Amino acid sequence: MKAVIIPQPHVLEIADLPKPVIKADDDVLIRVTSAGICGSDIGIYRGTNSLATYPRLIGHEFGGIVEAVGAGVSSCKVGDHVAVDPTTVSATDSYAIRVGRYNVDRSLRVMGVHRDGGFAEYVSVPAANVHRFTGPFDPALLGVVEPYTIGWQICERSGIAAGDRVLILGAGPIGSCAMQIARSRGARVIITDILDRRLERAAAAGAEVTVNTQTDDLDEAIAAFTDDEGIEVIVDSVCRPETLRQAVLTAAPAGRVVCLTTAADEVALPAAEITKKELTIYGSRLTRGGFPRVIAEIEAGRIDPSRIVSHHFPLEQAETAIRQLIENPADMLKVVLDF
């Protein structure tokens, strides 16, 4: 089978590997149909992802059609259309596990980063990581379910609900996913970016107000959107030191701020603002329990994963796709590899 391997930074190979087989009773063999390229994949290619080791079969956003199942599998069957949770944990009695927060446990490992991933024609994974659609679903979109689970976790962590007014900084793939999930919960959303094309996509997907922060006044837009009361929830999907600081300064009294950055940059925050407003600041990482919820929302028509997809490339052009994402980010949103 063909697979995307990065043997070292700045080198990508389409390798021929043995097709995986069912080895354990809980194994599920999946014929991958599509996979999304994430910023972490680009980081592995560029050598800037500190978590990855080489050589690495990359890819953690992927899905496909069940090809075979182990003797003990009853949660899915051959022919099912599925998305795959790429995370596993090995700890059994850590604090994070005891309180149900396995997505941040120290033993967490992610396919495509810590171990081989899903940019391959076939992948074998445990049944617990496989989440099925109740019926056929567009195979070209199975690979973009995972980023919506990130958006679901953002909304779940911050308690976004009907009537909340939400500011999302950044209309990239994760910001757009969070926006759609928030809207499906009945929240009102204002979203920012510096790229008009991304803002146009966000508006088409349900954002009430879009703000280009290079040409528009965000404070004026927020005042008009909230009748001068201020924003209850701010999601920082730009993930720069200045945007987290901006979120703290912009949040309304008693507001909630969601931080998504994984960068090592230190941030100088106005601590008095946090105290004076009694803000709540949430970190949000990956997801826990998000896959079934997101699939249900997709099947109900409340979110549309096609909204974030801007380009498709065949597997053989994986390096071209990655390089275009690096060189022309303004022209692209979520890029999908088709298998």
C-alpha atoms as a PDB file:
ATOM      1  CA  MET A   1       0.000   0.000   0.000  1.00  0.00           C
ATOM      2  CA  LYS A   2       1.030   3.621  -0.464  1.00  0.00           C
ATOM      3  CA  ALA A   3       1.743   5.831   2.550  1.00  0.00           C
ATOM      4  CA  VAL A   4       3.125   9.319   3.235  1.00  0.00           C
ATOM      5  CA  ILE A   5       6.393   9.101   5.150  1.00  0.00           C
ATOM      6  CA  ILE A   6       8.573  11.953   6.400  1.00  0.00           C
ATOM      7  CA  PRO A   7      11.967  10.349   7.068  1.00  0.00           C
ATOM      8  CA  GLN A   8      13.495  13.667   8.135  1.00  0.00           C
ATOM      9  CA  PRO A   9      12.520  17.351   8.030  1.00  0.00           C
ATOM     10  CA  HIS A  10      11.896  18.769   4.543  1.00  0.00           C
ATOM     11  CA  VAL A  11      11.812  15.304   2.970  1.00  0.00           C
ATOM     12  CA  LEU A  12       8.561  13.546   2.051  1.00  0.00           C
ATOM     13  CA  GLU A  13       8.254  10.145   0.417  1.00  0.00           C
ATOM     14  CA  ILE A  14       5.330   8.170  -0.986  1.00  0.00           C
ATOM     15  CA  ALA A  15       6.426   4.767   0.272  1.00  0.00           C
ATOM     16  CA  ASP A  16       5.217   1.244  -0.468  1.00  0.00           C
ATOM     17  CA  LEU A  17       4.467  -0.504   2.831  1.00  0.00           C
ATOM     18  CA  PRO A  18       2.868  -3.823   3.702  1.00  0.00           C
ATOM     19  CA  LYS A  19      -0.892  -3.634   4.056  1.00  0.00           C
ATOM     20  CA  PRO A  20      -1.815  -3.979   7.752  1.00  0.00           C
ATOM     21  CA  VAL A  21      -3.763  -7.026   8.888  1.00  0.00           C
ATOM     22  CA  ILE A  22      -6.076  -7.870  11.777  1.00  0.00           C
ATOM     23  CA  LYS A  23      -3.887  -9.020  14.674  1.00  0.00           C
ATOM     24  CA  ALA A  24      -6.083  -8.590  17.745  1.00  0.00           C
ATOM     25  CA  ASP A  25      -9.727  -9.321  18.498  1.00  0.00           C
ATOM     26  CA  ASP A  26     -10.483  -5.592  18.804  1.00  0.00           C
ATOM     27  CA  ASP A  27      -8.687  -4.508  15.621  1.00  0.00           C
ATOM     28  CA  VAL A  28     -10.513  -2.703  12.819  1.00  0.00           C
ATOM     29  CA  LEU A  29      -8.944  -2.485   9.363  1.00  0.00           C
ATOM     30  CA  ILE A  30      -9.972   0.687   7.524  1.00  0.00           C
ATOM     31  CA  ARG A  31      -9.583   1.562   3.861  1.00  0.00           C
ATOM     32  CA  VAL A  32      -8.771   5.256   4.159  1.00  0.00           C
ATOM     33  CA  THR A  33     -10.756   7.452   1.774  1.00  0.00           C
ATOM     34  CA  SER A  34      -9.702  10.955   2.839  1.00  0.00           C
ATOM     35  CA  ALA A  35      -7.412  12.766   5.251  1.00  0.00           C
ATOM     36  CA  GLY A  36      -7.042  16.391   6.285  1.00  0.00           C
ATOM     37  CA  ILE A  37      -3.700  18.166   6.443  1.00  0.00           C
ATOM     38  CA  CYS A  38      -3.210  19.885   9.804  1.00  0.00           C
ATOM     39  CA  GLY A  39      -0.703  22.459  10.981  1.00  0.00           C
ATOM     40  CA  SER A  40       1.014  19.763  13.030  1.00  0.00           C
ATOM     41  CA  ASP A  41       1.651  17.772   9.820  1.00  0.00           C
ATOM     42  CA  ILE A  42       3.252  20.867   8.324  1.00  0.00           C
ATOM     43  CA  GLY A  43       5.322  21.254  11.506  1.00  0.00           C
ATOM     44  CA  ILE A  44       6.612  17.689  11.151  1.00  0.00           C
ATOM     45  CA  TYR A  45       7.503  18.373   7.515  1.00  0.00           C
ATOM     46  CA  ARG A  46       9.319  21.587   8.447  1.00  0.00           C
ATOM     47  CA  GLY A  47      11.002  20.116  11.524  1.00  0.00           C
ATOM     48  CA  THR A  48       9.279  22.518  13.942  1.00  0.00           C
ATOM     49  CA  ASN A  49       7.009  20.006  15.704  1.00  0.00           C
ATOM     50  CA  SER A  50       8.887  19.200  18.900  1.00  0.00           C
ATOM     51  CA  LEU A  51       6.656  16.214  19.720  1.00  0.00           C
ATOM     52  CA  ALA A  52       7.356  14.198  16.571  1.00  0.00           C
ATOM     53  CA  THR A  53      10.069  11.623  15.977  1.00  0.00           C
ATOM     54  CA  TYR A  54      11.428  10.480  12.611  1.00  0.00           C
ATOM     55  CA  PRO A  55      10.818   8.671  10.372  1.00  0.00           C
ATOM     56  CA  ARG A  56       7.091   9.274  10.737  1.00  0.00           C
ATOM     57  CA  LEU A  57       4.025   8.159   8.792  1.00  0.00           C
ATOM     58  CA  ILE A  58       2.025  11.343   9.304  1.00  0.00           C
ATOM     59  CA  GLY A  59      -1.668  12.156   9.535  1.00  0.00           C
ATOM     60  CA  HIS A  60      -4.161  12.297  12.395  1.00  0.00           C
ATOM     61  CA  GLU A  61      -7.252  13.583  10.561  1.00  0.00           C
ATOM     62  CA  PHE A  62      -8.563  10.620   8.591  1.00  0.00           C
ATOM     63  CA  GLY A  63     -11.487   8.315   7.968  1.00  0.00           C
ATOM     64  CA  GLY A  64     -12.693   5.691   5.567  1.00  0.00           C
ATOM     65  CA  ILE A  65     -14.606   2.466   5.093  1.00  0.00           C
ATOM     66  CA  VAL A  66     -14.274  -0.600   7.316  1.00  0.00           C
ATOM     67  CA  GLU A  67     -12.537  -3.395   5.425  1.00  0.00           C
ATOM     68  CA  ALA A  68     -12.337  -6.063   8.154  1.00  0.00           C
ATOM     69  CA  VAL A  69     -12.885  -6.433  11.907  1.00  0.00           C
ATOM     70  CA  GLY A  70     -11.454  -8.609  14.663  1.00  0.00           C
ATOM     71  CA  ALA A  71     -13.414 -11.434  16.252  1.00  0.00           C
ATOM     72  CA  GLY A  72     -14.374  -9.314  19.272  1.00  0.00           C
ATOM     73  CA  VAL A  73     -15.648  -6.237  17.439  1.00  0.00           C
ATOM     74  CA  SER A  74     -19.377  -5.500  17.533  1.00  0.00           C
ATOM     75  CA  SER A  75     -19.374  -1.692  17.429  1.00  0.00           C
ATOM     76  CA  CYS A  76     -18.854  -1.531  13.652  1.00  0.00           C
ATOM     77  CA  LYS A  77     -18.991  -3.838  10.660  1.00  0.00           C
ATOM     78  CA  VAL A  78     -17.503  -4.228   7.207  1.00  0.00           C
ATOM     79  CA  GLY A  79     -18.719  -1.448   4.926  1.00  0.00           C
ATOM     80  CA  ASP A  80     -19.369   1.122   7.646  1.00  0.00           C
ATOM     81  CA  HIS A  81     -18.257   4.687   6.946  1.00  0.00           C
ATOM     82  CA  VAL A  82     -16.144   5.810   9.897  1.00  0.00           C
ATOM     83  CA  ALA A  83     -13.998   8.571  11.374  1.00  0.00           C
ATOM     84  CA  VAL A  84     -11.035   7.750  13.585  1.00  0.00           C
ATOM     85  CA  ASP A  85     -10.017   9.226  16.932  1.00  0.00           C
ATOM     86  CA  PRO A  86      -6.195   9.316  16.633  1.00  0.00           C
ATOM     87  CA  THR A  87      -5.476   9.414  20.386  1.00  0.00           C
ATOM     88  CA  THR A  88      -4.632   6.705  22.898  1.00  0.00           C
ATOM     89  CA  VAL A  89      -3.670   6.761  26.571  1.00  0.00           C
ATOM     90  CA  SER A  90      -1.899   4.116  28.618  1.00  0.00           C
ATOM     91  CA  ALA A  91      -2.234   5.451  32.186  1.00  0.00           C
ATOM     92  CA  THR A  92      -4.887   3.833  34.369  1.00  0.00           C
ATOM     93  CA  ASP A  93      -4.711   5.681  37.686  1.00  0.00           C
ATOM     94  CA  SER A  94      -3.426   9.176  37.019  1.00  0.00           C
ATOM     95  CA  TYR A  95      -5.273  12.251  38.236  1.00  0.00           C
ATOM     96  CA  ALA A  96      -6.332  13.242  34.698  1.00  0.00           C
ATOM     97  CA  ILE A  97      -7.795   9.780  34.086  1.00  0.00           C
ATOM     98  CA  ARG A  98      -9.594   9.741  37.445  1.00  0.00           C
ATOM     99  CA  VAL A  99     -11.378  13.008  36.679  1.00  0.00           C
ATOM    100  CA  GLY A 100     -12.243  11.984  33.112  1.00  0.00           C
ATOM    101  CA  ARG A 101      -9.743  14.259  31.379  1.00  0.00           C
ATOM    102  CA  TYR A 102      -7.828  11.565  29.471  1.00  0.00           C
ATOM    103  CA  ASN A 103      -7.255  13.944  26.561  1.00  0.00           C
ATOM    104  CA  VAL A 104      -4.561  15.751  28.585  1.00  0.00           C
ATOM    105  CA  ASP A 105      -2.983  12.780  30.357  1.00  0.00           C
ATOM    106  CA  ARG A 106       0.799  12.554  30.223  1.00  0.00           C
ATOM    107  CA  SER A 107       0.556   9.136  28.586  1.00  0.00           C
ATOM    108  CA  LEU A 108      -1.431  10.538  25.640  1.00  0.00           C
ATOM    109  CA  ARG A 109      -0.139   9.539  22.221  1.00  0.00           C
ATOM    110  CA  VAL A 110      -1.438  10.840  18.891  1.00  0.00           C
ATOM    111  CA  MET A 111      -1.308   8.950  15.608  1.00  0.00           C
ATOM    112  CA  GLY A 112       0.783  10.750  13.042  1.00  0.00           C
ATOM    113  CA  VAL A 113       2.799  12.545  15.725  1.00  0.00           C
ATOM    114  CA  HIS A 114       3.980  10.159  18.431  1.00  0.00           C
ATOM    115  CA  ARG A 115       3.322   7.021  16.371  1.00  0.00           C
ATOM    116  CA  ASP A 116       2.453   6.213  12.774  1.00  0.00           C
ATOM    117  CA  GLY A 117      -0.705   7.819  11.468  1.00  0.00           C
ATOM    118  CA  GLY A 118      -3.389   7.745   8.835  1.00  0.00           C
ATOM    119  CA  PHE A 119      -1.901   9.070   5.594  1.00  0.00           C
ATOM    120  CA  ALA A 120      -1.956   5.564   4.157  1.00  0.00           C
ATOM    121  CA  GLU A 121      -4.292   3.517   2.002  1.00  0.00           C
ATOM    122  CA  TYR A 122      -5.063   1.192   4.920  1.00  0.00           C
ATOM    123  CA  VAL A 123      -4.850   1.613   8.690  1.00  0.00           C
ATOM    124  CA  SER A 124      -5.531  -0.821  11.532  1.00  0.00           C
ATOM    125  CA  VAL A 125      -6.772   0.726  14.790  1.00  0.00           C
ATOM    126  CA  PRO A 126      -8.547  -0.454  17.953  1.00  0.00           C
ATOM    127  CA  ALA A 127     -12.331  -0.535  17.733  1.00  0.00           C
ATOM    128  CA  ALA A 128     -12.571   2.000  20.585  1.00  0.00           C
ATOM    129  CA  ASN A 129     -11.045   4.609  18.260  1.00  0.00           C
ATOM    130  CA  VAL A 130     -13.523   3.980  15.440  1.00  0.00           C
ATOM    131  CA  HIS A 131     -16.713   6.045  15.209  1.00  0.00           C
ATOM    132  CA  ARG A 132     -19.329   5.072  12.655  1.00  0.00           C
ATOM    133  CA  PHE A 133     -21.907   6.971  10.701  1.00  0.00           C
ATOM    134  CA  THR A 134     -25.342   5.382  10.786  1.00  0.00           C
ATOM    135  CA  GLY A 135     -25.346   5.211   6.994  1.00  0.00           C
ATOM    136  CA  PRO A 136     -23.195   6.126   3.993  1.00  0.00           C
ATOM    137  CA  PHE A 137     -21.474   9.500   4.157  1.00  0.00           C
ATOM    138  CA  ASP A 138     -19.372  11.323   1.559  1.00  0.00           C
ATOM    139  CA  PRO A 139     -16.023   9.448   1.654  1.00  0.00           C
ATOM    140  CA  ALA A 140     -14.191  12.641   0.676  1.00  0.00           C
ATOM    141  CA  LEU A 141     -15.302  14.300   3.943  1.00  0.00           C
ATOM    142  CA  LEU A 142     -14.652  11.481   6.433  1.00  0.00           C
ATOM    143  CA  GLY A 143     -11.160  12.886   6.954  1.00  0.00           C
ATOM    144  CA  VAL A 144     -12.406  16.242   8.282  1.00  0.00           C
ATOM    145  CA  VAL A 145     -14.568  15.006  11.132  1.00  0.00           C
ATOM    146  CA  GLU A 146     -11.624  15.211  13.560  1.00  0.00           C
ATOM    147  CA  PRO A 147     -11.150  19.020  13.470  1.00  0.00           C
ATOM    148  CA  TYR A 148     -14.841  19.432  14.303  1.00  0.00           C
ATOM    149  CA  THR A 149     -14.250  17.405  17.462  1.00  0.00           C
ATOM    150  CA  ILE A 150     -11.679  20.059  18.408  1.00  0.00           C
ATOM    151  CA  GLY A 151     -14.360  22.696  17.903  1.00  0.00           C
ATOM    152  CA  TRP A 152     -16.784  20.630  19.986  1.00  0.00           C
ATOM    153  CA  GLN A 153     -14.246  20.429  22.833  1.00  0.00           C
ATOM    154  CA  ILE A 154     -13.773  24.203  22.743  1.00  0.00           C
ATOM    155  CA  CYS A 155     -17.506  24.747  23.112  1.00  0.00           C
ATOM    156  CA  GLU A 156     -17.851  22.049  25.756  1.00  0.00           C
ATOM    157  CA  ARG A 157     -14.962  23.362  27.869  1.00  0.00           C
ATOM    158  CA  SER A 158     -16.291  26.919  27.868  1.00  0.00           C
ATOM    159  CA  GLY A 159     -19.942  25.943  28.229  1.00  0.00           C
ATOM    160  CA  ILE A 160     -21.099  27.704  25.085  1.00  0.00           C
ATOM    161  CA  ALA A 161     -24.884  27.533  24.937  1.00  0.00           C
ATOM    162  CA  ALA A 162     -27.898  29.130  23.309  1.00  0.00           C
ATOM    163  CA  GLY A 163     -27.864  32.912  23.599  1.00  0.00           C
ATOM    164  CA  ASP A 164     -24.148  33.252  24.311  1.00  0.00           C
ATOM    165  CA  ARG A 165     -22.317  35.867  22.298  1.00  0.00           C
ATOM    166  CA  VAL A 166     -19.024  34.421  21.116  1.00  0.00           C
ATOM    167  CA  LEU A 167     -15.992  36.086  19.561  1.00  0.00           C
ATOM    168  CA  ILE A 168     -13.701  33.756  17.640  1.00  0.00           C
ATOM    169  CA  LEU A 169     -10.296  35.178  16.827  1.00  0.00           C
ATOM    170  CA  GLY A 170      -9.205  33.563  13.572  1.00  0.00           C
ATOM    171  CA  ALA A 171     -11.319  32.031  10.792  1.00  0.00           C
ATOM    172  CA  GLY A 172      -8.923  29.217   9.956  1.00  0.00           C
ATOM    173  CA  PRO A 173     -10.030  25.568  10.038  1.00  0.00           C
ATOM    174  CA  ILE A 174     -10.274  25.262  13.841  1.00  0.00           C
ATOM    175  CA  GLY A 175     -11.879  28.672  14.309  1.00  0.00           C
ATOM    176  CA  SER A 176     -14.382  27.828  11.570  1.00  0.00           C
ATOM    177  CA  CYS A 177     -15.173  24.446  13.142  1.00  0.00           C
ATOM    178  CA  ALA A 178     -15.684  26.052  16.557  1.00  0.00           C
ATOM    179  CA  MET A 179     -17.922  28.659  14.952  1.00  0.00           C
ATOM    180  CA  GLN A 180     -20.165  26.025  13.347  1.00  0.00           C
ATOM    181  CA  ILE A 181     -20.427  24.025  16.585  1.00  0.00           C
ATOM    182  CA  ALA A 182     -21.227  27.184  18.577  1.00  0.00           C
ATOM    183  CA  ARG A 183     -23.919  28.137  16.070  1.00  0.00           C
ATOM    184  CA  SER A 184     -25.402  24.636  16.251  1.00  0.00           C
ATOM    185  CA  ARG A 185     -25.787  25.207  20.002  1.00  0.00           C
ATOM    186  CA  GLY A 186     -27.689  28.417  19.450  1.00  0.00           C
ATOM    187  CA  ALA A 187     -24.859  30.854  20.205  1.00  0.00           C
ATOM    188  CA  ARG A 188     -24.351  34.069  18.259  1.00  0.00           C
ATOM    189  CA  VAL A 189     -20.888  34.384  16.713  1.00  0.00           C
ATOM    190  CA  ILE A 190     -18.642  37.198  15.541  1.00  0.00           C
ATOM    191  CA  ILE A 191     -15.415  36.007  13.888  1.00  0.00           C
ATOM    192  CA  THR A 192     -12.216  37.786  12.851  1.00  0.00           C
ATOM    193  CA  ASP A 193      -9.406  37.239  10.381  1.00  0.00           C
ATOM    194  CA  ILE A 194      -7.096  39.207   8.131  1.00  0.00           C
ATOM    195  CA  LEU A 195      -8.151  37.280   5.009  1.00  0.00           C
ATOM    196  CA  ASP A 196     -11.430  38.253   3.359  1.00  0.00           C
ATOM    197  CA  ARG A 197     -11.768  34.850   1.653  1.00  0.00           C
ATOM    198  CA  ARG A 198     -11.832  33.091   4.997  1.00  0.00           C
ATOM    199  CA  LEU A 199     -14.331  35.577   6.382  1.00  0.00           C
ATOM    200  CA  GLU A 200     -16.591  35.044   3.378  1.00  0.00           C
ATOM    201  CA  ARG A 201     -16.530  31.296   4.037  1.00  0.00           C
ATOM    202  CA  ALA A 202     -17.289  31.873   7.711  1.00  0.00           C
ATOM    203  CA  ALA A 203     -20.255  34.083   6.875  1.00  0.00           C
ATOM    204  CA  ALA A 204     -21.606  31.466   4.476  1.00  0.00           C
ATOM    205  CA  ALA A 205     -21.267  28.851   7.240  1.00  0.00           C
ATOM    206  CA  GLY A 206     -23.234  30.867   9.788  1.00  0.00           C
ATOM    207  CA  ALA A 207     -21.133  33.622  11.392  1.00  0.00           C
ATOM    208  CA  GLU A 208     -23.391  36.624  12.090  1.00  0.00           C
ATOM    209  CA  VAL A 209     -20.636  39.221  11.912  1.00  0.00           C
ATOM    210  CA  THR A 210     -17.186  39.065  10.282  1.00  0.00           C
ATOM    211  CA  VAL A 211     -14.383  41.502  11.012  1.00  0.00           C
ATOM    212  CA  ASN A 212     -11.179  41.972   9.047  1.00  0.00           C
ATOM    213  CA  THR A 213      -8.903  43.246  11.814  1.00  0.00           C
ATOM    214  CA  GLN A 214      -6.618  44.978   9.315  1.00  0.00           C
ATOM    215  CA  THR A 215      -9.375  47.155   7.887  1.00  0.00           C
ATOM    216  CA  ASP A 216     -12.248  47.141  10.408  1.00  0.00           C
ATOM    217  CA  ASP A 217     -12.553  48.354  13.998  1.00  0.00           C
ATOM    218  CA  LEU A 218     -13.103  45.284  16.187  1.00  0.00           C
ATOM    219  CA  ASP A 219     -14.106  47.293  19.266  1.00  0.00           C
ATOM    220  CA  GLU A 220     -16.821  49.069  17.312  1.00  0.00           C
ATOM    221  CA  ALA A 221     -18.062  45.773  15.888  1.00  0.00           C
ATOM    222  CA  ILE A 222     -18.224  44.207  19.362  1.00  0.00           C
ATOM    223  CA  ALA A 223     -20.041  47.224  20.797  1.00  0.00           C
ATOM    224  CA  ALA A 224     -22.649  47.036  18.045  1.00  0.00           C
ATOM    225  CA  PHE A 225     -22.949  43.250  18.356  1.00  0.00           C
ATOM    226  CA  THR A 226     -23.469  43.314  22.140  1.00  0.00           C
ATOM    227  CA  ASP A 227     -25.129  46.694  22.714  1.00  0.00           C
ATOM    228  CA  ASP A 228     -21.962  47.800  24.529  1.00  0.00           C
ATOM    229  CA  GLU A 229     -22.210  44.964  27.062  1.00  0.00           C
ATOM    230  CA  GLY A 230     -19.155  43.062  25.855  1.00  0.00           C
ATOM    231  CA  ILE A 231     -18.444  39.528  24.705  1.00  0.00           C
ATOM    232  CA  GLU A 232     -19.179  36.612  27.039  1.00  0.00           C
ATOM    233  CA  VAL A 233     -16.895  34.041  25.375  1.00  0.00           C
ATOM    234  CA  ILE A 234     -13.710  34.602  23.391  1.00  0.00           C
ATOM    235  CA  VAL A 235     -11.944  31.762  21.571  1.00  0.00           C
ATOM    236  CA  ASP A 236      -8.326  32.452  20.574  1.00  0.00           C
ATOM    237  CA  SER A 237      -7.641  30.253  17.559  1.00  0.00           C
ATOM    238  CA  VAL A 238      -4.932  32.581  16.212  1.00  0.00           C
ATOM    239  CA  CYS A 239      -2.718  31.429  19.075  1.00  0.00           C
ATOM    240  CA  ARG A 240      -0.262  34.304  19.237  1.00  0.00           C
ATOM    241  CA  PRO A 241       0.827  36.019  22.462  1.00  0.00           C
ATOM    242  CA  GLU A 242      -0.849  39.260  21.448  1.00  0.00           C
ATOM    243  CA  THR A 243      -4.191  37.596  20.669  1.00  0.00           C
ATOM    244  CA  LEU A 244      -4.474  35.924  24.077  1.00  0.00           C
ATOM    245  CA  ARG A 245      -3.733  39.278  25.681  1.00  0.00           C
ATOM    246  CA  GLN A 246      -6.352  40.870  23.429  1.00  0.00           C
ATOM    247  CA  ALA A 247      -8.885  38.241  24.500  1.00  0.00           C
ATOM    248  CA  VAL A 248      -8.377  39.074  28.183  1.00  0.00           C
ATOM    249  CA  LEU A 249      -8.698  42.795  27.525  1.00  0.00           C
ATOM    250  CA  THR A 250     -11.778  42.365  25.315  1.00  0.00           C
ATOM    251  CA  ALA A 251     -13.762  39.901  27.433  1.00  0.00           C
ATOM    252  CA  ALA A 252     -16.789  41.201  29.302  1.00  0.00           C
ATOM    253  CA  PRO A 253     -16.904  41.058  33.099  1.00  0.00           C
ATOM    254  CA  ALA A 254     -17.551  37.431  34.160  1.00  0.00           C
ATOM    255  CA  GLY A 255     -16.459  36.357  30.680  1.00  0.00           C
ATOM    256  CA  ARG A 256     -14.742  33.169  29.527  1.00  0.00           C
ATOM    257  CA  VAL A 257     -11.584  32.932  27.427  1.00  0.00           C
ATOM    258  CA  VAL A 258     -10.439  29.784  25.592  1.00  0.00           C
ATOM    259  CA  CYS A 259      -6.715  29.325  24.914  1.00  0.00           C
ATOM    260  CA  LEU A 260      -5.670  26.851  22.191  1.00  0.00           C
ATOM    261  CA  THR A 261      -1.988  27.560  21.681  1.00  0.00           C
ATOM    262  CA  THR A 262       0.614  24.804  21.879  1.00  0.00           C
ATOM    263  CA  ALA A 263       3.527  27.169  21.286  1.00  0.00           C
ATOM    264  CA  ALA A 264       6.141  27.655  23.973  1.00  0.00           C
ATOM    265  CA  ASP A 265       5.904  31.465  23.843  1.00  0.00           C
ATOM    266  CA  GLU A 266       5.463  33.223  27.155  1.00  0.00           C
ATOM    267  CA  VAL A 267       2.574  35.694  27.335  1.00  0.00           C
ATOM    268  CA  ALA A 268       2.385  38.829  29.463  1.00  0.00           C
ATOM    269  CA  LEU A 269      -1.233  39.027  30.592  1.00  0.00           C
ATOM    270  CA  PRO A 270      -2.904  41.971  32.357  1.00  0.00           C
ATOM    271  CA  ALA A 271      -3.526  40.137  35.624  1.00  0.00           C
ATOM    272  CA  ALA A 272      -5.620  42.955  37.079  1.00  0.00           C
ATOM    273  CA  GLU A 273      -8.106  42.546  34.231  1.00  0.00           C
ATOM    274  CA  ILE A 274      -8.491  38.852  35.036  1.00  0.00           C
ATOM    275  CA  THR A 275      -9.145  39.677  38.684  1.00  0.00           C
ATOM    276  CA  LYS A 276     -11.298  42.761  38.141  1.00  0.00           C
ATOM    277  CA  LYS A 277     -13.561  40.993  35.654  1.00  0.00           C
ATOM    278  CA  GLU A 278     -13.321  37.627  37.430  1.00  0.00           C
ATOM    279  CA  LEU A 279     -12.564  35.985  34.116  1.00  0.00           C
ATOM    280  CA  THR A 280     -12.388  32.237  33.581  1.00  0.00           C
ATOM    281  CA  ILE A 281      -9.573  31.079  31.283  1.00  0.00           C
ATOM    282  CA  TYR A 282      -9.849  27.597  29.790  1.00  0.00           C
ATOM    283  CA  GLY A 283      -7.235  25.524  28.014  1.00  0.00           C
ATOM    284  CA  SER A 284      -8.708  23.219  25.387  1.00  0.00           C
ATOM    285  CA  ARG A 285      -6.838  20.288  23.840  1.00  0.00           C
ATOM    286  CA  LEU A 286      -7.991  17.629  21.385  1.00  0.00           C
ATOM    287  CA  THR A 287     -11.343  16.141  22.451  1.00  0.00           C
ATOM    288  CA  ARG A 288     -12.966  13.706  24.822  1.00  0.00           C
ATOM    289  CA  GLY A 289     -16.246  12.219  23.715  1.00  0.00           C
ATOM    290  CA  GLY A 290     -16.544  14.553  20.752  1.00  0.00           C
ATOM    291  CA  PHE A 291     -16.656  12.099  17.847  1.00  0.00           C
ATOM    292  CA  PRO A 292     -20.162  10.649  18.424  1.00  0.00           C
ATOM    293  CA  ARG A 293     -21.540  14.135  19.151  1.00  0.00           C
ATOM    294  CA  VAL A 294     -20.031  15.636  15.996  1.00  0.00           C
ATOM    295  CA  ILE A 295     -21.195  12.757  13.801  1.00  0.00           C
ATOM    296  CA  ALA A 296     -24.719  13.170  15.189  1.00  0.00           C
ATOM    297  CA  GLU A 297     -24.615  16.902  14.395  1.00  0.00           C
ATOM    298  CA  ILE A 298     -23.399  16.201  10.852  1.00  0.00           C
ATOM    299  CA  GLU A 299     -26.075  13.579  10.239  1.00  0.00           C
ATOM    300  CA  ALA A 300     -28.734  15.956  11.579  1.00  0.00           C
ATOM    301  CA  GLY A 301     -27.558  18.639   9.142  1.00  0.00           C
ATOM    302  CA  ARG A 302     -26.632  21.119  11.862  1.00  0.00           C
ATOM    303  CA  ILE A 303     -22.999  21.320  10.766  1.00  0.00           C
ATOM    304  CA  ASP A 304     -21.561  20.892   7.284  1.00  0.00           C
ATOM    305  CA  PRO A 305     -17.913  19.735   7.064  1.00  0.00           C
ATOM    306  CA  SER A 306     -17.695  20.704   3.408  1.00  0.00           C
ATOM    307  CA  ARG A 307     -17.693  24.332   4.583  1.00  0.00           C
ATOM    308  CA  ILE A 308     -14.052  24.178   5.690  1.00  0.00           C
ATOM    309  CA  VAL A 309     -12.656  22.279   2.673  1.00  0.00           C
ATOM    310  CA  SER A 310     -11.002  24.486   0.071  1.00  0.00           C
ATOM    311  CA  HIS A 311      -8.844  22.014  -1.891  1.00  0.00           C
ATOM    312  CA  HIS A 312      -8.479  18.310  -2.665  1.00  0.00           C
ATOM    313  CA  PHE A 313      -5.246  16.621  -3.742  1.00  0.00           C
ATOM    314  CA  PRO A 314      -4.540  12.977  -4.570  1.00  0.00           C
ATOM    315  CA  LEU A 315      -2.329  11.091  -2.116  1.00  0.00           C
ATOM    316  CA  GLU A 316       0.540  11.141  -4.593  1.00  0.00           C
ATOM    317  CA  GLN A 317       0.610  14.971  -4.452  1.00  0.00           C
ATOM    318  CA  ALA A 318       0.883  15.199  -0.653  1.00  0.00           C
ATOM    319  CA  GLU A 319       4.122  17.180  -0.761  1.00  0.00           C
ATOM    320  CA  THR A 320       2.690  19.598  -3.325  1.00  0.00           C
ATOM    321  CA  ALA A 321      -0.328  20.130  -1.076  1.00  0.00           C
ATOM    322  CA  ILE A 322       1.831  20.789   1.991  1.00  0.00           C
ATOM    323  CA  ARG A 323       4.106  23.176   0.139  1.00  0.00           C
ATOM    324  CA  GLN A 324       1.158  25.112  -1.248  1.00  0.00           C
ATOM    325  CA  LEU A 325      -0.255  25.431   2.269  1.00  0.00           C
ATOM    326  CA  ILE A 326       3.082  26.842   3.400  1.00  0.00           C
ATOM    327  CA  GLU A 327       3.516  29.194   0.446  1.00  0.00           C
ATOM    328  CA  ASN A 328      -0.090  30.274  -0.234  1.00  0.00           C
ATOM    329  CA  PRO A 329      -2.037  30.170   3.043  1.00  0.00           C
ATOM    330  CA  ALA A 330      -4.312  32.994   1.939  1.00  0.00           C
ATOM    331  CA  ASP A 331      -5.706  30.852  -0.873  1.00  0.00           C
ATOM    332  CA  MET A 332      -6.401  27.737   1.199  1.00  0.00           C
ATOM    333  CA  LEU A 333      -8.392  26.610   4.224  1.00  0.00           C
ATOM    334  CA  LYS A 334      -8.630  22.871   4.904  1.00  0.00           C
ATOM    335  CA  VAL A 335      -6.783  20.746   2.364  1.00  0.00           C
ATOM    336  CA  VAL A 336      -7.876  17.126   1.948  1.00  0.00           C
ATOM    337  CA  LEU A 337      -5.894  14.224   0.535  1.00  0.00           C
ATOM    338  CA  ASP A 338      -8.063  11.835  -1.476  1.00  0.00           C
ATOM    339  CA  PHE A 339      -7.205   8.144  -1.444  1.00  0.00           C
END
